[in-house]
Protein backbone atom coordinates (compact mmCIF):
# COMPACT_ATOMS: atom_id res chain seq x y z
CA MET A 1 -15.80 -28.98 -79.21
CA LYS A 2 -15.29 -25.58 -80.83
CA LYS A 3 -18.59 -25.94 -82.72
CA PHE A 4 -20.38 -26.79 -79.45
CA ALA A 5 -18.91 -23.74 -77.73
CA PHE A 6 -20.06 -21.47 -80.55
CA VAL A 7 -23.60 -22.88 -80.40
CA LEU A 8 -23.61 -22.45 -76.61
CA PHE A 9 -22.63 -18.79 -76.73
CA LEU A 10 -24.63 -17.82 -79.82
CA PRO A 11 -27.85 -17.02 -77.83
CA ILE A 12 -25.82 -14.80 -75.48
CA LEU A 13 -24.28 -12.92 -78.40
CA LEU A 14 -27.68 -12.49 -80.01
CA PHE A 15 -29.12 -11.17 -76.72
CA ILE A 16 -26.30 -8.63 -76.31
CA GLY A 17 -26.80 -7.58 -79.92
CA SER A 18 -30.51 -7.11 -79.40
CA LEU A 19 -29.86 -4.84 -76.43
CA SER A 20 -27.63 -2.59 -78.50
CA VAL A 21 -30.26 -2.41 -81.24
CA CYS A 22 -33.21 -1.80 -78.91
CA ALA A 23 -31.61 0.82 -76.67
CA GLN A 24 -31.80 4.28 -78.24
CA ASP A 25 -29.51 7.04 -77.05
CA ARG A 26 -29.38 10.42 -78.72
CA GLU A 27 -28.09 13.87 -77.98
CA GLU A 28 -30.25 16.90 -78.64
CA ASP A 29 -29.45 20.60 -78.55
CA LEU A 30 -31.84 21.96 -75.94
CA SER A 31 -29.75 24.98 -75.00
CA LYS A 32 -32.54 27.42 -75.86
CA TYR A 33 -34.51 26.21 -72.84
CA PHE A 34 -31.70 26.93 -70.37
CA HIS A 35 -31.09 30.57 -71.32
CA GLY A 36 -27.30 30.48 -71.51
CA HIS A 37 -26.76 28.65 -68.20
CA THR A 38 -24.37 25.74 -68.00
CA ALA A 39 -26.88 22.90 -67.87
CA THR A 40 -27.79 19.33 -68.68
CA PHE A 41 -31.05 17.49 -69.26
CA VAL A 42 -31.71 13.75 -69.38
CA LEU A 43 -35.00 12.14 -70.42
CA PHE A 44 -35.76 8.42 -70.43
CA ASP A 45 -38.76 7.09 -72.33
CA VAL A 46 -39.49 3.89 -70.39
CA LYS A 47 -41.73 2.05 -72.85
CA ASN A 48 -39.48 2.68 -75.83
CA ASN A 49 -36.18 2.34 -73.92
CA LYS A 50 -35.08 5.68 -75.35
CA TRP A 51 -32.61 8.13 -73.81
CA THR A 52 -32.42 11.79 -74.80
CA ARG A 53 -29.59 13.93 -73.46
CA PHE A 54 -28.57 17.54 -73.66
CA ASN A 55 -24.91 18.12 -72.73
CA LYS A 56 -24.07 14.44 -72.35
CA GLN A 57 -20.72 15.07 -70.69
CA ARG A 58 -22.34 17.04 -67.88
CA SER A 59 -25.13 14.45 -67.52
CA THR A 60 -22.64 12.04 -65.90
CA GLN A 61 -20.99 14.70 -63.72
CA ARG A 62 -21.93 14.49 -60.04
CA PHE A 63 -23.21 17.44 -58.02
CA SER A 64 -24.82 17.92 -54.64
CA PRO A 65 -28.46 16.73 -54.86
CA CYS A 66 -29.57 19.61 -52.62
CA SER A 67 -33.30 19.34 -51.90
CA THR A 68 -33.90 16.62 -54.48
CA PHE A 69 -32.51 14.42 -51.68
CA LYS A 70 -35.81 14.97 -49.89
CA ILE A 71 -37.16 12.11 -52.04
CA PRO A 72 -34.87 9.38 -50.62
CA ASN A 73 -34.87 11.10 -47.21
CA SER A 74 -38.67 10.74 -47.11
CA LEU A 75 -38.51 7.09 -48.15
CA ILE A 76 -35.92 6.31 -45.47
CA GLY A 77 -37.82 8.17 -42.76
CA LEU A 78 -40.96 6.20 -43.57
CA GLU A 79 -39.24 2.85 -43.94
CA THR A 80 -37.39 3.14 -40.61
CA GLY A 81 -40.60 4.11 -38.80
CA VAL A 82 -39.17 7.48 -37.74
CA ILE A 83 -42.25 9.05 -39.32
CA ALA A 84 -45.56 7.24 -39.54
CA ASP A 85 -46.98 8.77 -42.69
CA GLU A 86 -47.34 11.97 -44.69
CA ASN A 87 -49.20 13.63 -41.79
CA PHE A 88 -46.39 13.18 -39.27
CA VAL A 89 -45.65 16.56 -37.64
CA ILE A 90 -42.27 17.78 -36.48
CA LYS A 91 -42.54 20.85 -34.27
CA TRP A 92 -40.82 24.02 -35.40
CA ASP A 93 -37.79 24.80 -33.22
CA GLY A 94 -38.67 28.50 -33.04
CA VAL A 95 -35.61 29.63 -35.00
CA LYS A 96 -36.57 32.31 -37.53
CA ARG A 97 -35.30 31.43 -40.99
CA SER A 98 -35.08 33.39 -44.24
CA ARG A 99 -38.13 31.73 -45.81
CA GLU A 100 -41.32 32.58 -43.96
CA PRO A 101 -43.15 29.35 -44.94
CA TRP A 102 -40.52 27.43 -42.94
CA ASN A 103 -41.30 29.21 -39.68
CA HIS A 104 -44.01 26.96 -38.27
CA ASP A 105 -44.73 23.28 -37.62
CA HIS A 106 -44.69 21.00 -40.68
CA ASN A 107 -45.72 17.50 -41.63
CA LEU A 108 -44.01 15.43 -44.32
CA GLN A 109 -46.38 16.57 -47.05
CA THR A 110 -46.01 20.29 -46.38
CA ALA A 111 -42.27 19.96 -45.72
CA ILE A 112 -41.58 18.52 -49.17
CA ARG A 113 -43.98 20.99 -50.79
CA ASP A 114 -42.25 23.98 -49.18
CA SER A 115 -38.78 22.32 -49.28
CA VAL A 116 -38.32 22.83 -45.53
CA VAL A 117 -34.65 22.17 -44.78
CA TRP A 118 -34.93 22.06 -40.98
CA TYR A 119 -37.67 19.39 -41.11
CA TYR A 120 -35.51 17.07 -43.18
CA GLN A 121 -32.44 17.78 -41.07
CA GLU A 122 -34.35 16.69 -37.97
CA LEU A 123 -35.72 13.69 -39.84
CA ALA A 124 -32.19 12.62 -40.82
CA ARG A 125 -30.95 13.04 -37.24
CA ARG A 126 -33.73 10.77 -36.00
CA VAL A 127 -32.91 8.15 -38.65
CA GLY A 128 -29.26 8.21 -37.58
CA GLN A 129 -25.97 7.59 -39.35
CA GLU A 130 -26.08 3.79 -39.41
CA LYS A 131 -29.57 3.36 -40.88
CA MET A 132 -29.12 6.26 -43.28
CA LYS A 133 -25.91 4.73 -44.63
CA HIS A 134 -27.59 1.33 -44.95
CA TYR A 135 -30.40 2.65 -47.14
CA ILE A 136 -28.28 5.03 -49.21
CA THR A 137 -25.97 2.11 -50.04
CA ALA A 138 -28.88 -0.25 -50.74
CA MET A 139 -30.41 2.33 -53.08
CA HIS A 140 -27.06 2.93 -54.83
CA TYR A 141 -27.72 6.65 -54.50
CA GLY A 142 -24.95 8.63 -56.21
CA ASN A 143 -21.55 8.24 -54.59
CA GLU A 144 -23.22 6.95 -51.38
CA ASP A 145 -21.02 9.26 -49.24
CA ILE A 146 -22.78 10.62 -46.14
CA SER A 147 -19.57 11.53 -44.29
CA GLY A 148 -20.41 15.24 -44.36
CA GLY A 149 -22.64 14.95 -41.29
CA ILE A 150 -26.01 13.35 -40.74
CA ASP A 151 -27.94 16.62 -41.05
CA ARG A 152 -26.10 18.25 -43.94
CA PHE A 153 -24.35 15.72 -46.20
CA TRP A 154 -26.79 16.54 -49.05
CA LEU A 155 -26.44 20.33 -48.65
CA ASN A 156 -23.53 20.97 -51.02
CA ASP A 157 -21.44 18.53 -49.00
CA SER A 158 -20.25 14.93 -49.33
CA ILE A 159 -22.97 13.12 -51.26
CA LYS A 160 -23.02 13.75 -55.01
CA ILE A 161 -25.19 12.46 -57.82
CA SER A 162 -25.37 12.96 -61.59
CA ALA A 163 -28.43 13.73 -63.68
CA GLU A 164 -28.20 10.27 -65.24
CA GLU A 165 -28.07 8.66 -61.78
CA GLN A 166 -31.08 10.72 -60.71
CA VAL A 167 -33.03 9.29 -63.64
CA LYS A 168 -32.00 5.73 -62.79
CA PHE A 169 -33.02 6.25 -59.15
CA LEU A 170 -36.41 7.67 -60.16
CA LEU A 171 -36.92 4.84 -62.63
CA LYS A 172 -36.61 2.41 -59.70
CA LEU A 173 -39.07 4.56 -57.73
CA HIS A 174 -41.54 4.49 -60.61
CA LYS A 175 -41.20 0.72 -61.05
CA ASN A 176 -41.35 0.01 -57.28
CA GLU A 177 -37.85 -1.51 -57.37
CA LEU A 178 -36.25 0.40 -54.49
CA PRO A 179 -35.50 -1.60 -51.30
CA VAL A 180 -38.43 -0.19 -49.33
CA SER A 181 -42.07 -1.18 -48.86
CA ALA A 182 -44.84 -0.53 -51.37
CA ARG A 183 -46.49 1.67 -48.73
CA SER A 184 -43.46 3.96 -48.41
CA LEU A 185 -43.17 4.19 -52.19
CA LYS A 186 -46.83 5.12 -52.57
CA ILE A 187 -46.66 7.85 -49.93
CA VAL A 188 -43.61 9.44 -51.55
CA LYS A 189 -45.15 9.24 -54.99
CA ASP A 190 -48.25 10.96 -53.62
CA ILE A 191 -46.38 13.79 -51.88
CA THR A 192 -44.22 14.50 -54.95
CA THR A 193 -47.23 14.72 -57.30
CA LEU A 194 -47.35 18.24 -58.75
CA SER A 195 -50.44 17.70 -60.90
CA ASN A 196 -52.82 14.94 -61.90
CA ALA A 197 -55.32 15.84 -64.59
CA LYS A 198 -56.60 14.56 -67.93
CA GLY A 199 -54.74 11.28 -67.58
CA VAL A 200 -51.35 12.93 -67.03
CA ILE A 201 -49.53 12.56 -63.70
CA PHE A 202 -46.61 14.93 -63.15
CA ARG A 203 -44.22 14.31 -60.26
CA GLY A 204 -41.08 16.20 -59.34
CA LYS A 205 -38.82 17.95 -56.87
CA THR A 206 -36.59 20.98 -57.13
CA GLY A 207 -33.25 21.50 -55.45
CA SER A 208 -31.17 24.65 -54.98
CA TRP A 209 -27.82 25.79 -53.72
CA TYR A 210 -26.52 29.33 -53.67
CA GLY A 211 -24.10 31.23 -51.50
CA ASP A 212 -21.83 34.25 -51.32
CA ASN A 213 -19.23 34.09 -54.11
CA GLU A 214 -20.17 30.45 -54.79
CA GLY A 215 -22.62 30.90 -57.63
CA SER A 216 -25.73 28.76 -57.68
CA LEU A 217 -26.97 25.33 -58.68
CA GLY A 218 -30.54 24.39 -59.53
CA TRP A 219 -32.10 20.95 -59.99
CA PHE A 220 -35.45 19.69 -61.16
CA VAL A 221 -36.06 15.93 -61.29
CA GLY A 222 -39.18 13.82 -61.71
CA TYR A 223 -41.34 12.02 -64.21
CA VAL A 224 -44.49 12.20 -66.28
CA GLU A 225 -46.94 9.30 -66.57
CA ARG A 226 -49.28 9.34 -69.54
CA ASP A 227 -50.72 7.07 -72.24
CA GLY A 228 -49.45 3.93 -70.50
CA ASN A 229 -45.88 5.18 -70.47
CA ALA A 230 -43.51 7.06 -68.17
CA TYR A 231 -40.92 9.69 -69.00
CA ILE A 232 -38.25 10.07 -66.34
CA PHE A 233 -36.20 13.27 -66.35
CA ALA A 234 -33.48 15.16 -64.51
CA ALA A 235 -32.00 18.57 -65.19
CA ASN A 236 -29.50 20.78 -63.46
CA ALA A 237 -28.07 24.20 -64.25
CA GLU A 238 -25.51 26.46 -62.63
CA ASP A 239 -24.59 30.11 -62.78
CA PRO A 240 -21.43 31.71 -61.32
CA ALA A 241 -23.45 34.88 -60.69
CA GLY A 242 -25.99 32.99 -58.58
CA LYS A 243 -28.89 33.65 -60.94
CA VAL A 244 -30.37 30.17 -61.32
CA ILE A 245 -31.97 27.93 -58.67
CA GLY A 246 -34.40 25.03 -58.57
CA PRO A 247 -37.65 26.87 -59.34
CA ASP A 248 -35.98 28.45 -62.39
CA VAL A 249 -34.91 25.04 -63.67
CA ARG A 250 -38.42 23.72 -63.06
CA ARG A 251 -39.89 26.45 -65.27
CA MET A 252 -37.34 25.69 -68.00
CA VAL A 253 -38.05 21.97 -67.89
CA GLU A 254 -41.82 22.43 -67.86
CA THR A 255 -41.56 24.49 -71.04
CA LEU A 256 -39.36 21.83 -72.61
CA LEU A 257 -41.75 19.02 -71.66
CA LYS A 258 -44.73 20.95 -73.02
CA ASP A 259 -42.94 21.51 -76.30
CA LYS A 260 -42.30 17.76 -76.50
CA GLY A 261 -46.01 17.12 -75.95
CA LEU A 262 -45.50 15.42 -72.60
CA LEU A 263 -47.31 17.98 -70.42
């Protein structure tokens, strides 16, 4: 009986062992790219099942997603039928805001390009608490906590996500494994495409938070498709003096990716 049990479980043990051998996980000192800011960077090489991390401890620490939440927010808006497609216009409410590009009507494509907060707040209100919670839970997005209010839970409020979780979410987006339609996935992939040239597709979204005496937080998340492979990444950085935001992190990450020969 004991011999039979060993034979029965041997394939399982071999499979578990093969996973540990195949999965590669290494830490790399990438501090020079982040100019002294407290930061983390995670890169997943899909084809080779290879993880690279800078500041591994911080890579599992959750922060507000800020405007990187516009990716799932877009998917949910499309999937619920609140917006028809990337050309769906929400009228500007006439309130003058600090960023001039926000002060006019926007569609989904221009709203994600210009990171228009009011557009996505209105989108979330139209989706509503119940449907938003359903999809956030189904997507396993961060801590799944939207209790901070339907139009602000991602704005340095209740929902939090780590860089590693961002990568895992984007991996599901890349592989069409999120619980939404292929159509919704395609539209969001299209509107988050930053460049597409010479066989290299670069997708991404920044996120920023800064306030009086609160310092600042910057995100840049996305992925590169090239040579039959995909490289999923997420980075965040913070500065108590408020001197780093999303566009800064994007520039840092783009330099890093170029140096690695990915861009």
